[in-house]
PDB file of N, CA and C in Angstrom:
ATOM      1  N   UNK A   1    -143.563 117.283  -6.786  1.00  0.00           N
ATOM      2  CA  UNK A   1    -144.540 116.515  -6.060  1.00  0.00           C
ATOM      3  C   UNK A   1    -145.435 117.474  -5.298  1.00  0.00           C
ATOM      4  N   UNK A   2    -146.705 117.298  -5.450  1.00  0.00           N
ATOM      5  CA  UNK A   2    -147.676 118.187  -4.821  1.00  0.00           C
ATOM      6  C   UNK A   2    -148.463 117.418  -3.784  1.00  0.00           C
ATOM      7  N   UNK A   3    -148.593 117.975  -2.621  1.00  0.00           N
ATOM      8  CA  UNK A   3    -149.359 117.330  -1.551  1.00  0.00           C
ATOM      9  C   UNK A   3    -150.779 117.869  -1.633  1.00  0.00           C
ATOM     10  N   UNK A   4    -151.705 116.953  -1.772  1.00  0.00           N
ATOM     11  CA  UNK A   4    -153.097 117.387  -1.913  1.00  0.00           C
ATOM     12  C   UNK A   4    -153.843 117.355  -0.601  1.00  0.00           C
ATOM     13  N   UNK A   5    -153.449 116.475   0.295  1.00  0.00           N
ATOM     14  CA  UNK A   5    -154.153 116.402   1.572  1.00  0.00           C
ATOM     15  C   UNK A   5    -153.447 117.246   2.609  1.00  0.00           C
ATOM     16  N   UNK A   6    -154.211 117.872   3.426  1.00  0.00           N
ATOM     17  CA  UNK A   6    -153.666 118.626   4.548  1.00  0.00           C
ATOM     18  C   UNK A   6    -153.858 117.800   5.800  1.00  0.00           C
ATOM     19  N   UNK A   7    -152.805 117.675   6.529  1.00  0.00           N
ATOM     20  CA  UNK A   7    -152.926 116.941   7.787  1.00  0.00           C
ATOM     21  C   UNK A   7    -152.836 117.937   8.922  1.00  0.00           C
ATOM     22  N   UNK A   8    -153.643 117.725   9.898  1.00  0.00           N
ATOM     23  CA  UNK A   8    -153.691 118.611  11.043  1.00  0.00           C
ATOM     24  C   UNK A   8    -152.910 117.953  12.177  1.00  0.00           C
ATOM     25  N   UNK A   9    -151.760 118.513  12.471  1.00  0.00           N
ATOM     26  CA  UNK A   9    -150.935 117.968  13.546  1.00  0.00           C
ATOM     27  C   UNK A   9    -150.956 118.951  14.697  1.00  0.00           C
ATOM     28  N   UNK A  10    -151.403 118.465  15.817  1.00  0.00           N
ATOM     29  CA  UNK A  10    -151.389 119.318  17.006  1.00  0.00           C
ATOM     30  C   UNK A  10    -150.888 118.499  18.177  1.00  0.00           C
ATOM     31  N   UNK A  11    -150.049 119.121  18.944  1.00  0.00           N
ATOM     32  CA  UNK A  11    -149.493 118.450  20.122  1.00  0.00           C
ATOM     33  C   UNK A  11    -149.678 119.358  21.316  1.00  0.00           C
ATOM     34  N   UNK A  12    -149.876 118.751  22.409  1.00  0.00           N
ATOM     35  CA  UNK A  12    -150.020 119.518  23.639  1.00  0.00           C
ATOM     36  C   UNK A  12    -148.728 119.417  24.424  1.00  0.00           C
ATOM     37  N   UNK A  13    -148.605 120.261  25.420  1.00  0.00           N
ATOM     38  CA  UNK A  13    -147.417 120.235  26.265  1.00  0.00           C
ATOM     39  C   UNK A  13    -147.275 118.896  26.989  1.00  0.00           C
ATOM     40  N   UNK A  14    -148.384 118.261  27.306  1.00  0.00           N
ATOM     41  CA  UNK A  14    -148.325 116.995  28.018  1.00  0.00           C
ATOM     42  C   UNK A  14    -147.770 115.888  27.128  1.00  0.00           C
ATOM     43  N   UNK A  15    -148.093 115.905  25.837  1.00  0.00           N
ATOM     44  CA  UNK A  15    -147.618 114.831  24.965  1.00  0.00           C
ATOM     45  C   UNK A  15    -146.127 114.955  24.673  1.00  0.00           C
ATOM     46  N   UNK A  16    -145.556 116.106  24.836  1.00  0.00           N
ATOM     47  CA  UNK A  16    -144.130 116.302  24.618  1.00  0.00           C
ATOM     48  C   UNK A  16    -143.317 116.210  25.906  1.00  0.00           C
ATOM     49  N   UNK A  17    -143.969 115.975  27.016  1.00  0.00           N
ATOM     50  CA  UNK A  17    -143.320 115.957  28.325  1.00  0.00           C
ATOM     51  C   UNK A  17    -142.575 117.259  28.570  1.00  0.00           C
ATOM     52  N   UNK A  18    -143.228 118.338  28.271  1.00  0.00           N
ATOM     53  CA  UNK A  18    -142.637 119.659  28.412  1.00  0.00           C
ATOM     54  C   UNK A  18    -142.610 120.040  29.872  1.00  0.00           C
ATOM     55  N   UNK A  19    -141.431 120.454  30.336  1.00  0.00           N
ATOM     56  CA  UNK A  19    -141.281 120.842  31.727  1.00  0.00           C
ATOM     57  C   UNK A  19    -140.620 122.210  31.788  1.00  0.00           C
ATOM     58  N   UNK A  20    -141.413 123.254  32.003  1.00  0.00           N
ATOM     59  CA  UNK A  20    -140.840 124.599  32.008  1.00  0.00           C
ATOM     60  C   UNK A  20    -139.806 124.806  33.107  1.00  0.00           C
ATOM     61  N   UNK A  21    -139.912 124.093  34.230  1.00  0.00           N
ATOM     62  CA  UNK A  21    -138.936 124.256  35.309  1.00  0.00           C
ATOM     63  C   UNK A  21    -137.557 123.791  34.868  1.00  0.00           C
ATOM     64  N   UNK A  22    -137.489 122.697  34.141  1.00  0.00           N
ATOM     65  CA  UNK A  22    -136.198 122.206  33.669  1.00  0.00           C
ATOM     66  C   UNK A  22    -135.577 123.167  32.664  1.00  0.00           C
ATOM     67  N   UNK A  23    -136.392 123.734  31.816  1.00  0.00           N
ATOM     68  CA  UNK A  23    -135.886 124.683  30.838  1.00  0.00           C
ATOM     69  C   UNK A  23    -135.310 125.903  31.559  1.00  0.00           C
ATOM     70  N   UNK A  24    -135.987 126.356  32.579  1.00  0.00           N
ATOM     71  CA  UNK A  24    -135.514 127.506  33.346  1.00  0.00           C
ATOM     72  C   UNK A  24    -134.199 127.173  34.056  1.00  0.00           C
ATOM     73  N   UNK A  25    -134.111 125.975  34.642  1.00  0.00           N
ATOM     74  CA  UNK A  25    -132.880 125.550  35.306  1.00  0.00           C
ATOM     75  C   UNK A  25    -131.727 125.465  34.310  1.00  0.00           C
ATOM     76  N   UNK A  26    -131.996 124.937  33.119  1.00  0.00           N
ATOM     77  CA  UNK A  26    -130.961 124.810  32.097  1.00  0.00           C
ATOM     78  C   UNK A  26    -130.454 126.181  31.669  1.00  0.00           C
ATOM     79  N   UNK A  27    -131.374 127.127  31.474  1.00  0.00           N
ATOM     80  CA  UNK A  27    -130.972 128.474  31.074  1.00  0.00           C
ATOM     81  C   UNK A  27    -130.134 129.133  32.167  1.00  0.00           C
ATOM     82  N   UNK A  28    -130.515 128.941  33.412  1.00  0.00           N
ATOM     83  CA  UNK A  28    -129.752 129.514  34.517  1.00  0.00           C
ATOM     84  C   UNK A  28    -128.356 128.894  34.606  1.00  0.00           C
ATOM     85  N   UNK A  29    -128.277 127.582  34.398  1.00  0.00           N
ATOM     86  CA  UNK A  29    -126.983 126.899  34.432  1.00  0.00           C
ATOM     87  C   UNK A  29    -126.070 127.418  33.329  1.00  0.00           C
ATOM     88  N   UNK A  30    -126.612 127.565  32.125  1.00  0.00           N
ATOM     89  CA  UNK A  30    -125.824 128.103  31.023  1.00  0.00           C
ATOM     90  C   UNK A  30    -125.368 129.532  31.307  1.00  0.00           C
ATOM     91  N   UNK A  31    -126.243 130.305  31.912  1.00  0.00           N
ATOM     92  CA  UNK A  31    -125.903 131.679  32.246  1.00  0.00           C
ATOM     93  C   UNK A  31    -124.750 131.727  33.252  1.00  0.00           C
ATOM     94  N   UNK A  32    -124.824 130.877  34.284  1.00  0.00           N
ATOM     95  CA  UNK A  32    -123.753 130.824  35.283  1.00  0.00           C
ATOM     96  C   UNK A  32    -122.443 130.346  34.661  1.00  0.00           C
ATOM     97  N   UNK A  33    -122.527 129.352  33.791  1.00  0.00           N
ATOM     98  CA  UNK A  33    -121.316 128.842  33.133  1.00  0.00           C
ATOM     99  C   UNK A  33    -120.673 129.921  32.273  1.00  0.00           C
ATOM    100  N   UNK A  34    -121.506 130.683  31.553  1.00  0.00           N
ATOM    101  CA  UNK A  34    -120.975 131.764  30.724  1.00  0.00           C
ATOM    102  C   UNK A  34    -120.286 132.809  31.587  1.00  0.00           C
ATOM    103  N   UNK A  35    -120.870 133.148  32.733  1.00  0.00           N
ATOM    104  CA  UNK A  35    -120.266 134.132  33.631  1.00  0.00           C
ATOM    105  C   UNK A  35    -118.925 133.638  34.172  1.00  0.00           C
ATOM    106  N   UNK A  36    -118.857 132.371  34.527  1.00  0.00           N
ATOM    107  CA  UNK A  36    -117.614 131.808  35.076  1.00  0.00           C
ATOM    108  C   UNK A  36    -116.523 131.818  34.015  1.00  0.00           C
ATOM    109  N   UNK A  37    -116.863 131.412  32.791  1.00  0.00           N
ATOM    110  CA  UNK A  37    -115.871 131.371  31.720  1.00  0.00           C
ATOM    111  C   UNK A  37    -115.375 132.768  31.382  1.00  0.00           C
ATOM    112  N   UNK A  38    -116.278 133.726  31.310  1.00  0.00           N
ATOM    113  CA  UNK A  38    -115.844 135.089  30.973  1.00  0.00           C
ATOM    114  C   UNK A  38    -114.976 135.683  32.083  1.00  0.00           C
ATOM    115  N   UNK A  39    -115.308 135.406  33.349  1.00  0.00           N
ATOM    116  CA  UNK A  39    -114.468 135.933  34.427  1.00  0.00           C
ATOM    117  C   UNK A  39    -113.113 135.242  34.451  1.00  0.00           C
ATOM    118  N   UNK A  40    -113.066 133.957  34.115  1.00  0.00           N
ATOM    119  CA  UNK A  40    -111.783 133.248  34.051  1.00  0.00           C
ATOM    120  C   UNK A  40    -110.928 133.800  32.920  1.00  0.00           C
ATOM    121  N   UNK A  41    -111.545 134.089  31.784  1.00  0.00           N
ATOM    122  CA  UNK A  41    -110.793 134.645  30.655  1.00  0.00           C
ATOM    123  C   UNK A  41    -110.255 136.027  30.999  1.00  0.00           C
ATOM    124  N   UNK A  42    -111.062 136.839  31.674  1.00  0.00           N
ATOM    125  CA  UNK A  42    -110.618 138.172  32.080  1.00  0.00           C
ATOM    126  C   UNK A  42    -109.455 138.075  33.056  1.00  0.00           C
ATOM    127  N   UNK A  43    -109.560 137.170  33.999  1.00  0.00           N
ATOM    128  CA  UNK A  43    -108.495 136.976  34.975  1.00  0.00           C
ATOM    129  C   UNK A  43    -107.227 136.472  34.301  1.00  0.00           C
ATOM    130  N   UNK A  44    -107.381 135.536  33.374  1.00  0.00           N
ATOM    131  CA  UNK A  44    -106.215 134.938  32.711  1.00  0.00           C
ATOM    132  C   UNK A  44    -105.449 135.962  31.894  1.00  0.00           C
ATOM    133  N   UNK A  45    -106.149 136.841  31.207  1.00  0.00           N
ATOM    134  CA  UNK A  45    -105.451 137.827  30.392  1.00  0.00           C
ATOM    135  C   UNK A  45    -104.872 138.950  31.239  1.00  0.00           C
ATOM    136  N   UNK A  46    -105.366 139.126  32.441  1.00  0.00           N
ATOM    137  CA  UNK A  46    -104.877 140.199  33.293  1.00  0.00           C
ATOM    138  C   UNK A  46    -103.630 139.842  34.073  1.00  0.00           C
ATOM    139  N   UNK A  47    -103.321 138.571  34.212  1.00  0.00           N
ATOM    140  CA  UNK A  47    -102.154 138.167  34.977  1.00  0.00           C
ATOM    141  C   UNK A  47    -100.897 138.237  34.122  1.00  0.00           C
ATOM    142  N   UNK A  48     -99.755 138.298  34.789  1.00  0.00           N
ATOM    143  CA  UNK A  48     -98.489 138.406  34.055  1.00  0.00           C
ATOM    144  C   UNK A  48     -98.120 137.075  33.415  1.00  0.00           C
ATOM    145  N   UNK A  49     -97.354 137.157  32.320  1.00  0.00           N
ATOM    146  CA  UNK A  49     -96.865 135.952  31.673  1.00  0.00           C
ATOM    147  C   UNK A  49     -97.748 135.471  30.546  1.00  0.00           C
ATOM    148  N   UNK A  50     -98.763 136.208  30.165  1.00  0.00           N
ATOM    149  CA  UNK A  50     -99.620 135.796  29.059  1.00  0.00           C
ATOM    150  C   UNK A  50    -100.737 134.898  29.525  1.00  0.00           C
ATOM    151  N   UNK A  51    -101.676 134.634  28.644  1.00  0.00           N
ATOM    152  CA  UNK A  51    -102.862 133.863  29.017  1.00  0.00           C
ATOM    153  C   UNK A  51    -102.548 132.434  29.461  1.00  0.00           C
ATOM    154  N   UNK A  52    -101.641 131.741  28.771  1.00  0.00           N
ATOM    155  CA  UNK A  52    -101.359 130.353  29.118  1.00  0.00           C
ATOM    156  C   UNK A  52    -100.710 130.257  30.484  1.00  0.00           C
ATOM    157  N   UNK A  53     -99.708 131.102  30.709  1.00  0.00           N
ATOM    158  CA  UNK A  53     -99.001 131.067  31.986  1.00  0.00           C
ATOM    159  C   UNK A  53     -99.926 131.503  33.116  1.00  0.00           C
ATOM    160  N   UNK A  54    -100.731 132.515  32.868  1.00  0.00           N
ATOM    161  CA  UNK A  54    -101.616 132.993  33.922  1.00  0.00           C
ATOM    162  C   UNK A  54    -102.699 131.984  34.237  1.00  0.00           C
ATOM    163  N   UNK A  55    -103.157 131.258  33.219  1.00  0.00           N
ATOM    164  CA  UNK A  55    -104.167 130.231  33.451  1.00  0.00           C
ATOM    165  C   UNK A  55    -103.573 129.111  34.293  1.00  0.00           C
ATOM    166  N   UNK A  56    -102.350 128.710  33.992  1.00  0.00           N
ATOM    167  CA  UNK A  56    -101.688 127.675  34.771  1.00  0.00           C
ATOM    168  C   UNK A  56    -101.464 128.148  36.202  1.00  0.00           C
ATOM    169  N   UNK A  57    -101.085 129.402  36.349  1.00  0.00           N
ATOM    170  CA  UNK A  57    -100.858 129.963  37.669  1.00  0.00           C
ATOM    171  C   UNK A  57    -102.150 130.046  38.466  1.00  0.00           C
ATOM    172  N   UNK A  58    -103.212 130.486  37.805  1.00  0.00           N
ATOM    173  CA  UNK A  58    -104.506 130.594  38.474  1.00  0.00           C
ATOM    174  C   UNK A  58    -105.022 129.218  38.865  1.00  0.00           C
ATOM    175  N   UNK A  59    -104.806 128.218  38.016  1.00  0.00           N
ATOM    176  CA  UNK A  59    -105.281 126.866  38.318  1.00  0.00           C
ATOM    177  C   UNK A  59    -104.529 126.290  39.508  1.00  0.00           C
ATOM    178  N   UNK A  60    -103.225 126.507  39.563  1.00  0.00           N
ATOM    179  CA  UNK A  60    -102.457 125.953  40.668  1.00  0.00           C
ATOM    180  C   UNK A  60    -102.752 126.692  41.968  1.00  0.00           C
ATOM    181  N   UNK A  61    -102.982 127.992  41.894  1.00  0.00           N
ATOM    182  CA  UNK A  61    -103.285 128.732  43.124  1.00  0.00           C
ATOM    183  C   UNK A  61    -104.686 128.411  43.611  1.00  0.00           C
ATOM    184  N   UNK A  62    -105.582 128.053  42.710  1.00  0.00           N
ATOM    185  CA  UNK A  62    -106.946 127.706  43.108  1.00  0.00           C
ATOM    186  C   UNK A  62    -106.963 126.383  43.851  1.00  0.00           C
ATOM    187  N   UNK A  63    -106.009 125.505  43.582  1.00  0.00           N
ATOM    188  CA  UNK A  63    -105.967 124.212  44.254  1.00  0.00           C
ATOM    189  C   UNK A  63    -105.230 124.293  45.578  1.00  0.00           C
ATOM    190  N   UNK A  64    -104.681 125.446  45.890  1.00  0.00           N
ATOM    191  CA  UNK A  64    -104.004 125.616  47.170  1.00  0.00           C
ATOM    192  C   UNK A  64    -102.568 125.136  47.141  1.00  0.00           C
ATOM    193  N   UNK A  65    -101.952 125.070  45.968  1.00  0.00           N
ATOM    194  CA  UNK A  65    -100.571 124.603  45.856  1.00  0.00           C
ATOM    195  C   UNK A  65     -99.622 125.670  46.376  1.00  0.00           C
ATOM    196  N   UNK A  66     -98.421 125.231  46.677  1.00  0.00           N
ATOM    197  CA  UNK A  66     -97.424 126.175  47.186  1.00  0.00           C
ATOM    198  C   UNK A  66     -96.746 126.892  46.035  1.00  0.00           C
ATOM    199  N   UNK A  67     -95.872 127.821  46.380  1.00  0.00           N
ATOM    200  CA  UNK A  67     -95.149 128.616  45.397  1.00  0.00           C
ATOM    201  C   UNK A  67     -94.222 127.730  44.566  1.00  0.00           C
ATOM    202  N   UNK A  68     -93.682 126.681  45.168  1.00  0.00           N
ATOM    203  CA  UNK A  68     -92.758 125.802  44.447  1.00  0.00           C
ATOM    204  C   UNK A  68     -93.453 125.095  43.287  1.00  0.00           C
ATOM    205  N   UNK A  69     -94.726 124.782  43.420  1.00  0.00           N
ATOM    206  CA  UNK A  69     -95.432 124.143  42.303  1.00  0.00           C
ATOM    207  C   UNK A  69     -95.641 125.141  41.159  1.00  0.00           C
ATOM    208  N   UNK A  70     -95.813 126.427  41.496  1.00  0.00           N
ATOM    209  CA  UNK A  70     -95.902 127.454  40.460  1.00  0.00           C
ATOM    210  C   UNK A  70     -94.582 127.558  39.705  1.00  0.00           C
ATOM    211  N   UNK A  71     -93.495 127.520  40.447  1.00  0.00           N
ATOM    212  CA  UNK A  71     -92.178 127.576  39.829  1.00  0.00           C
ATOM    213  C   UNK A  71     -91.950 126.352  38.957  1.00  0.00           C
ATOM    214  N   UNK A  72     -92.368 125.201  39.444  1.00  0.00           N
ATOM    215  CA  UNK A  72     -92.237 123.971  38.669  1.00  0.00           C
ATOM    216  C   UNK A  72     -93.071 124.051  37.393  1.00  0.00           C
ATOM    217  N   UNK A  73     -94.258 124.604  37.496  1.00  0.00           N
ATOM    218  CA  UNK A  73     -95.125 124.761  36.326  1.00  0.00           C
ATOM    219  C   UNK A  73     -94.472 125.700  35.308  1.00  0.00           C
ATOM    220  N   UNK A  74     -93.888 126.783  35.786  1.00  0.00           N
ATOM    221  CA  UNK A  74     -93.222 127.725  34.888  1.00  0.00           C
ATOM    222  C   UNK A  74     -92.017 127.080  34.208  1.00  0.00           C
ATOM    223  N   UNK A  75     -91.240 126.317  34.955  1.00  0.00           N
ATOM    224  CA  UNK A  75     -90.089 125.636  34.364  1.00  0.00           C
ATOM    225  C   UNK A  75     -90.538 124.624  33.318  1.00  0.00           C
ATOM    226  N   UNK A  76     -91.602 123.908  33.602  1.00  0.00           N
ATOM    227  CA  UNK A  76     -92.130 122.928  32.643  1.00  0.00           C
ATOM    228  C   UNK A  76     -92.578 123.619  31.365  1.00  0.00           C
ATOM    229  N   UNK A  77     -93.276 124.728  31.512  1.00  0.00           N
ATOM    230  CA  UNK A  77     -93.733 125.465  30.331  1.00  0.00           C
ATOM    231  C   UNK A  77     -92.556 126.037  29.545  1.00  0.00           C
ATOM    232  N   UNK A  78     -91.527 126.511  30.253  1.00  0.00           N
ATOM    233  CA  UNK A  78     -90.341 127.028  29.567  1.00  0.00           C
ATOM    234  C   UNK A  78     -89.615 125.922  28.811  1.00  0.00           C
ATOM    235  N   UNK A  79     -89.515 124.736  29.416  1.00  0.00           N
ATOM    236  CA  UNK A  79     -88.869 123.607  28.741  1.00  0.00           C
ATOM    237  C   UNK A  79     -89.648 123.206  27.492  1.00  0.00           C
ATOM    238  N   UNK A  80     -90.976 123.189  27.592  1.00  0.00           N
ATOM    239  CA  UNK A  80     -91.789 122.868  26.418  1.00  0.00           C
ATOM    240  C   UNK A  80     -91.598 123.912  25.336  1.00  0.00           C
ATOM    241  N   UNK A  81     -91.542 125.175  25.743  1.00  0.00           N
ATOM    242  CA  UNK A  81     -91.337 126.260  24.786  1.00  0.00           C
ATOM    243  C   UNK A  81     -89.984 126.110  24.088  1.00  0.00           C
ATOM    244  N   UNK A  82     -88.948 125.775  24.838  1.00  0.00           N
ATOM    245  CA  UNK A  82     -87.625 125.573  24.247  1.00  0.00           C
ATOM    246  C   UNK A  82     -87.632 124.393  23.278  1.00  0.00           C
ATOM    247  N   UNK A  83     -88.328 123.324  23.642  1.00  0.00           N
ATOM    248  CA  UNK A  83     -88.417 122.160  22.763  1.00  0.00           C
ATOM    249  C   UNK A  83     -89.121 122.530  21.462  1.00  0.00           C
ATOM    250  N   UNK A  84     -90.223 123.276  21.565  1.00  0.00           N
ATOM    251  CA  UNK A  84     -90.938 123.703  20.357  1.00  0.00           C
ATOM    252  C   UNK A  84     -90.053 124.599  19.492  1.00  0.00           C
ATOM    253  N   UNK A  85     -89.313 125.496  20.125  1.00  0.00           N
ATOM    254  CA  UNK A  85     -88.409 126.369  19.368  1.00  0.00           C
ATOM    255  C   UNK A  85     -87.341 125.562  18.640  1.00  0.00           C
ATOM    256  N   UNK A  86     -86.788 124.556  19.303  1.00  0.00           N
ATOM    257  CA  UNK A  86     -85.776 123.714  18.656  1.00  0.00           C
ATOM    258  C   UNK A  86     -86.385 122.920  17.493  1.00  0.00           C
ATOM    259  N   UNK A  87     -87.608 122.425  17.682  1.00  0.00           N
ATOM    260  CA  UNK A  87     -88.284 121.698  16.604  1.00  0.00           C
ATOM    261  C   UNK A  87     -88.527 122.607  15.405  1.00  0.00           C
ATOM    262  N   UNK A  88     -88.959 123.835  15.666  1.00  0.00           N
ATOM    263  CA  UNK A  88     -89.195 124.779  14.573  1.00  0.00           C
ATOM    264  C   UNK A  88     -87.888 125.169  13.885  1.00  0.00           C
ATOM    265  N   UNK A  89     -86.821 125.305  14.656  1.00  0.00           N
ATOM    266  CA  UNK A  89     -85.514 125.627  14.084  1.00  0.00           C
ATOM    267  C   UNK A  89     -85.027 124.491  13.182  1.00  0.00           C
ATOM    268  N   UNK A  90     -85.224 123.248  13.619  1.00  0.00           N
ATOM    269  CA  UNK A  90     -84.853 122.094  12.803  1.00  0.00           C
ATOM    270  C   UNK A  90     -85.683 122.063  11.525  1.00  0.00           C
ATOM    271  N   UNK A  91     -86.976 122.329  11.641  1.00  0.00           N
ATOM    272  CA  UNK A  91     -87.845 122.366  10.465  1.00  0.00           C
ATOM    273  C   UNK A  91     -87.394 123.451   9.490  1.00  0.00           C
ATOM    274  N   UNK A  92     -87.065 124.619  10.013  1.00  0.00           N
ATOM    275  CA  UNK A  92     -86.587 125.714   9.168  1.00  0.00           C
ATOM    276  C   UNK A  92     -85.289 125.331   8.468  1.00  0.00           C
ATOM    277  N   UNK A  93     -84.394 124.674   9.182  1.00  0.00           N
ATOM    278  CA  UNK A  93     -83.129 124.236   8.598  1.00  0.00           C
ATOM    279  C   UNK A  93     -83.378 123.204   7.493  1.00  0.00           C
ATOM    280  N   UNK A  94     -84.282 122.261   7.732  1.00  0.00           N
ATOM    281  CA  UNK A  94     -84.609 121.249   6.721  1.00  0.00           C
ATOM    282  C   UNK A  94     -85.194 121.892   5.468  1.00  0.00           C
ATOM    283  N   UNK A  95     -86.055 122.867   5.641  1.00  0.00           N
ATOM    284  CA  UNK A  95     -86.660 123.550   4.495  1.00  0.00           C
ATOM    285  C   UNK A  95     -85.597 124.326   3.709  1.00  0.00           C
ATOM    286  N   UNK A  96     -84.689 124.990   4.407  1.00  0.00           N
ATOM    287  CA  UNK A  96     -83.615 125.712   3.723  1.00  0.00           C
ATOM    288  C   UNK A  96     -82.714 124.761   2.943  1.00  0.00           C
ATOM    289  N   UNK A  97     -82.413 123.588   3.513  1.00  0.00           N
ATOM    290  CA  UNK A  97     -81.599 122.593   2.818  1.00  0.00           C
ATOM    291  C   UNK A  97     -82.307 122.106   1.558  1.00  0.00           C
ATOM    292  N   UNK A  98     -83.591 121.820   1.681  1.00  0.00           N
ATOM    293  CA  UNK A  98     -84.368 121.385   0.514  1.00  0.00           C
ATOM    294  C   UNK A  98     -84.423 122.478  -0.548  1.00  0.00           C
ATOM    295  N   UNK A  99     -84.544 123.728  -0.126  1.00  0.00           N
ATOM    296  CA  UNK A  99     -84.573 124.854  -1.059  1.00  0.00           C
ATOM    297  C   UNK A  99     -83.248 124.970  -1.810  1.00  0.00           C
ATOM    298  N   UNK A 100     -82.126 124.802  -1.096  1.00  0.00           N
ATOM    299  CA  UNK A 100     -80.818 124.851  -1.750  1.00  0.00           C
ATOM    300  C   UNK A 100     -80.664 123.726  -2.773  1.00  0.00           C
ATOM    301  N   UNK A 101     -81.133 122.522  -2.425  1.00  0.00           N
ATOM    302  CA  UNK A 101     -81.066 121.390  -3.363  1.00  0.00           C
ATOM    303  C   UNK A 101     -81.894 121.686  -4.613  1.00  0.00           C
ATOM    304  N   UNK A 102     -83.102 122.203  -4.404  1.00  0.00           N
ATOM    305  CA  UNK A 102     -83.987 122.513  -5.533  1.00  0.00           C
ATOM    306  C   UNK A 102     -83.357 123.576  -6.433  1.00  0.00           C
ATOM    307  N   UNK A 103     -82.775 124.602  -5.829  1.00  0.00           N
ATOM    308  CA  UNK A 103     -82.140 125.673  -6.602  1.00  0.00           C
ATOM    309  C   UNK A 103     -80.965 125.126  -7.411  1.00  0.00           C
ATOM    310  N   UNK A 104     -80.175 124.252  -6.788  1.00  0.00           N
ATOM    311  CA  UNK A 104     -79.034 123.659  -7.487  1.00  0.00           C
ATOM    312  C   UNK A 104     -79.500 122.833  -8.684  1.00  0.00           C
ATOM    313  N   UNK A 105     -80.494 121.983  -8.472  1.00  0.00           N
ATOM    314  CA  UNK A 105     -81.017 121.178  -9.577  1.00  0.00           C
ATOM    315  C   UNK A 105     -81.634 122.045 -10.664  1.00  0.00           C
ATOM    316  N   UNK A 106     -82.295 123.098 -10.278  1.00  0.00           N
ATOM    317  CA  UNK A 106     -82.900 124.007 -11.249  1.00  0.00           C
ATOM    318  C   UNK A 106     -81.819 124.684 -12.089  1.00  0.00           C
ATOM    319  N   UNK A 107     -80.741 125.122 -11.457  1.00  0.00           N
ATOM    320  CA  UNK A 107     -79.640 125.760 -12.189  1.00  0.00           C
ATOM    321  C   UNK A 107     -78.963 124.786 -13.143  1.00  0.00           C
ATOM    322  N   UNK A 108     -78.778 123.529 -12.693  1.00  0.00           N
ATOM    323  CA  UNK A 108     -78.169 122.518 -13.562  1.00  0.00           C
ATOM    324  C   UNK A 108     -79.069 122.251 -14.769  1.00  0.00           C
ATOM    325  N   UNK A 109     -80.361 122.115 -14.505  1.00  0.00           N
ATOM    326  CA  UNK A 109     -81.312 121.869 -15.590  1.00  0.00           C
ATOM    327  C   UNK A 109     -81.320 123.024 -16.579  1.00  0.00           C
ATOM    328  N   UNK A 110     -81.264 124.240 -16.091  1.00  0.00           N
ATOM    329  CA  UNK A 110     -81.244 125.414 -16.968  1.00  0.00           C
ATOM    330  C   UNK A 110     -79.966 125.433 -17.808  1.00  0.00           C
ATOM    331  N   UNK A 111     -78.852 125.107 -17.195  1.00  0.00           N
ATOM    332  CA  UNK A 111     -77.578 125.087 -17.931  1.00  0.00           C
ATOM    333  C   UNK A 111     -77.610 124.026 -19.029  1.00  0.00           C
ATOM    334  N   UNK A 112     -78.153 122.853 -18.733  1.00  0.00           N
ATOM    335  CA  UNK A 112     -78.261 121.798 -19.759  1.00  0.00           C
ATOM    336  C   UNK A 112     -79.156 122.245 -20.906  1.00  0.00           C
ATOM    337  N   UNK A 113     -80.269 122.877 -20.553  1.00  0.00           N
ATOM    338  CA  UNK A 113     -81.194 123.356 -21.582  1.00  0.00           C
ATOM    339  C   UNK A 113     -80.531 124.409 -22.466  1.00  0.00           C
ATOM    340  N   UNK A 114     -79.864 125.362 -21.835  1.00  0.00           N
ATOM    341  CA  UNK A 114     -79.204 126.421 -22.607  1.00  0.00           C
ATOM    342  C   UNK A 114     -78.114 125.844 -23.515  1.00  0.00           C
ATOM    343  N   UNK A 115     -77.381 124.839 -23.019  1.00  0.00           N
ATOM    344  CA  UNK A 115     -76.339 124.201 -23.831  1.00  0.00           C
ATOM    345  C   UNK A 115     -76.952 123.493 -25.035  1.00  0.00           C
ATOM    346  N   UNK A 116     -78.031 122.747 -24.792  1.00  0.00           N
ATOM    347  CA  UNK A 116     -78.694 122.036 -25.895  1.00  0.00           C
ATOM    348  C   UNK A 116     -79.276 123.023 -26.900  1.00  0.00           C
ATOM    349  N   UNK A 117     -79.843 124.105 -26.416  1.00  0.00           N
ATOM    350  CA  UNK A 117     -80.442 125.112 -27.298  1.00  0.00           C
ATOM    351  C   UNK A 117     -79.363 125.764 -28.172  1.00  0.00           C
ATOM    352  N   UNK A 118     -78.227 126.105 -27.559  1.00  0.00           N
ATOM    353  CA  UNK A 118     -77.173 126.747 -28.352  1.00  0.00           C
ATOM    354  C   UNK A 118     -76.579 125.764 -29.359  1.00  0.00           C
ATOM    355  N   UNK A 119     -76.499 124.479 -29.005  1.00  0.00           N
ATOM    356  CA  UNK A 119     -75.988 123.483 -29.952  1.00  0.00           C
ATOM    357  C   UNK A 119     -76.907 123.363 -31.159  1.00  0.00           C
ATOM    358  N   UNK A 120     -78.216 123.368 -30.915  1.00  0.00           N
ATOM    359  CA  UNK A 120     -79.194 123.296 -32.009  1.00  0.00           C
ATOM    360  C   UNK A 120     -79.097 124.533 -32.873  1.00  0.00           C
ATOM    361  N   UNK A 121     -78.970 125.701 -32.252  1.00  0.00           N
ATOM    362  CA  UNK A 121     -78.840 126.949 -33.018  1.00  0.00           C
ATOM    363  C   UNK A 121     -77.552 126.962 -33.847  1.00  0.00           C
ATOM    364  N   UNK A 122     -76.474 126.381 -33.335  1.00  0.00           N
ATOM    365  CA  UNK A 122     -75.204 126.329 -34.094  1.00  0.00           C
ATOM    366  C   UNK A 122     -75.311 125.394 -35.300  1.00  0.00           C
ATOM    367  N   UNK A 123     -76.145 124.349 -35.206  1.00  0.00           N
ATOM    368  CA  UNK A 123     -76.311 123.434 -36.326  1.00  0.00           C
ATOM    369  C   UNK A 123     -77.041 124.108 -37.482  1.00  0.00           C
ATOM    370  N   UNK A 124     -77.918 125.007 -37.208  1.00  0.00           N
ATOM    371  CA  UNK A 124     -78.690 125.690 -38.235  1.00  0.00           C
ATOM    372  C   UNK A 124     -77.823 126.625 -39.081  1.00  0.00           C
ATOM    373  N   UNK A 125     -76.815 127.170 -38.501  1.00  0.00           N
ATOM    374  CA  UNK A 125     -76.005 128.157 -39.196  1.00  0.00           C
ATOM    375  C   UNK A 125     -75.058 127.567 -40.155  1.00  0.00           C
TER     376      UNK A 125
END
C-alpha cells in the first residue's frame, strides 16, 4: 500500500498540555527513589545474616522496635527456613521413591523382553 498524500501534522506545546516543571519534578523524584533503593541494597548486603535477614533487621530498627522484635523476626525466619528444608527433603524423598519404582519396572520389562527374545530365538533353531 502506497500513501500518495502527505499530511502535515504539527503540534505545539500548548496543545499537548506540556508542562516542563512536572517533567523536571518527575525526573528528580525518580532520581531520589533510585538513590534510596541503591543505598538500601548496599546497607542490606553489608549487614550480617545475608540480605534477607539484614533487610528485616534494618526494617525493624527503622521503625524503632526493640531488640526482642529482632529476635522474634530471626526466629520466624529460621522456622520458615526449617519448614522449607523439610518440604524440600520430602520432595527429594518422593522423587527417589518414584525413581526406584521406575527402575524396578524398567528392569522387569527388560527381563520379560529378553525372555521373549530368547524364546523366539530357540524356536528358530
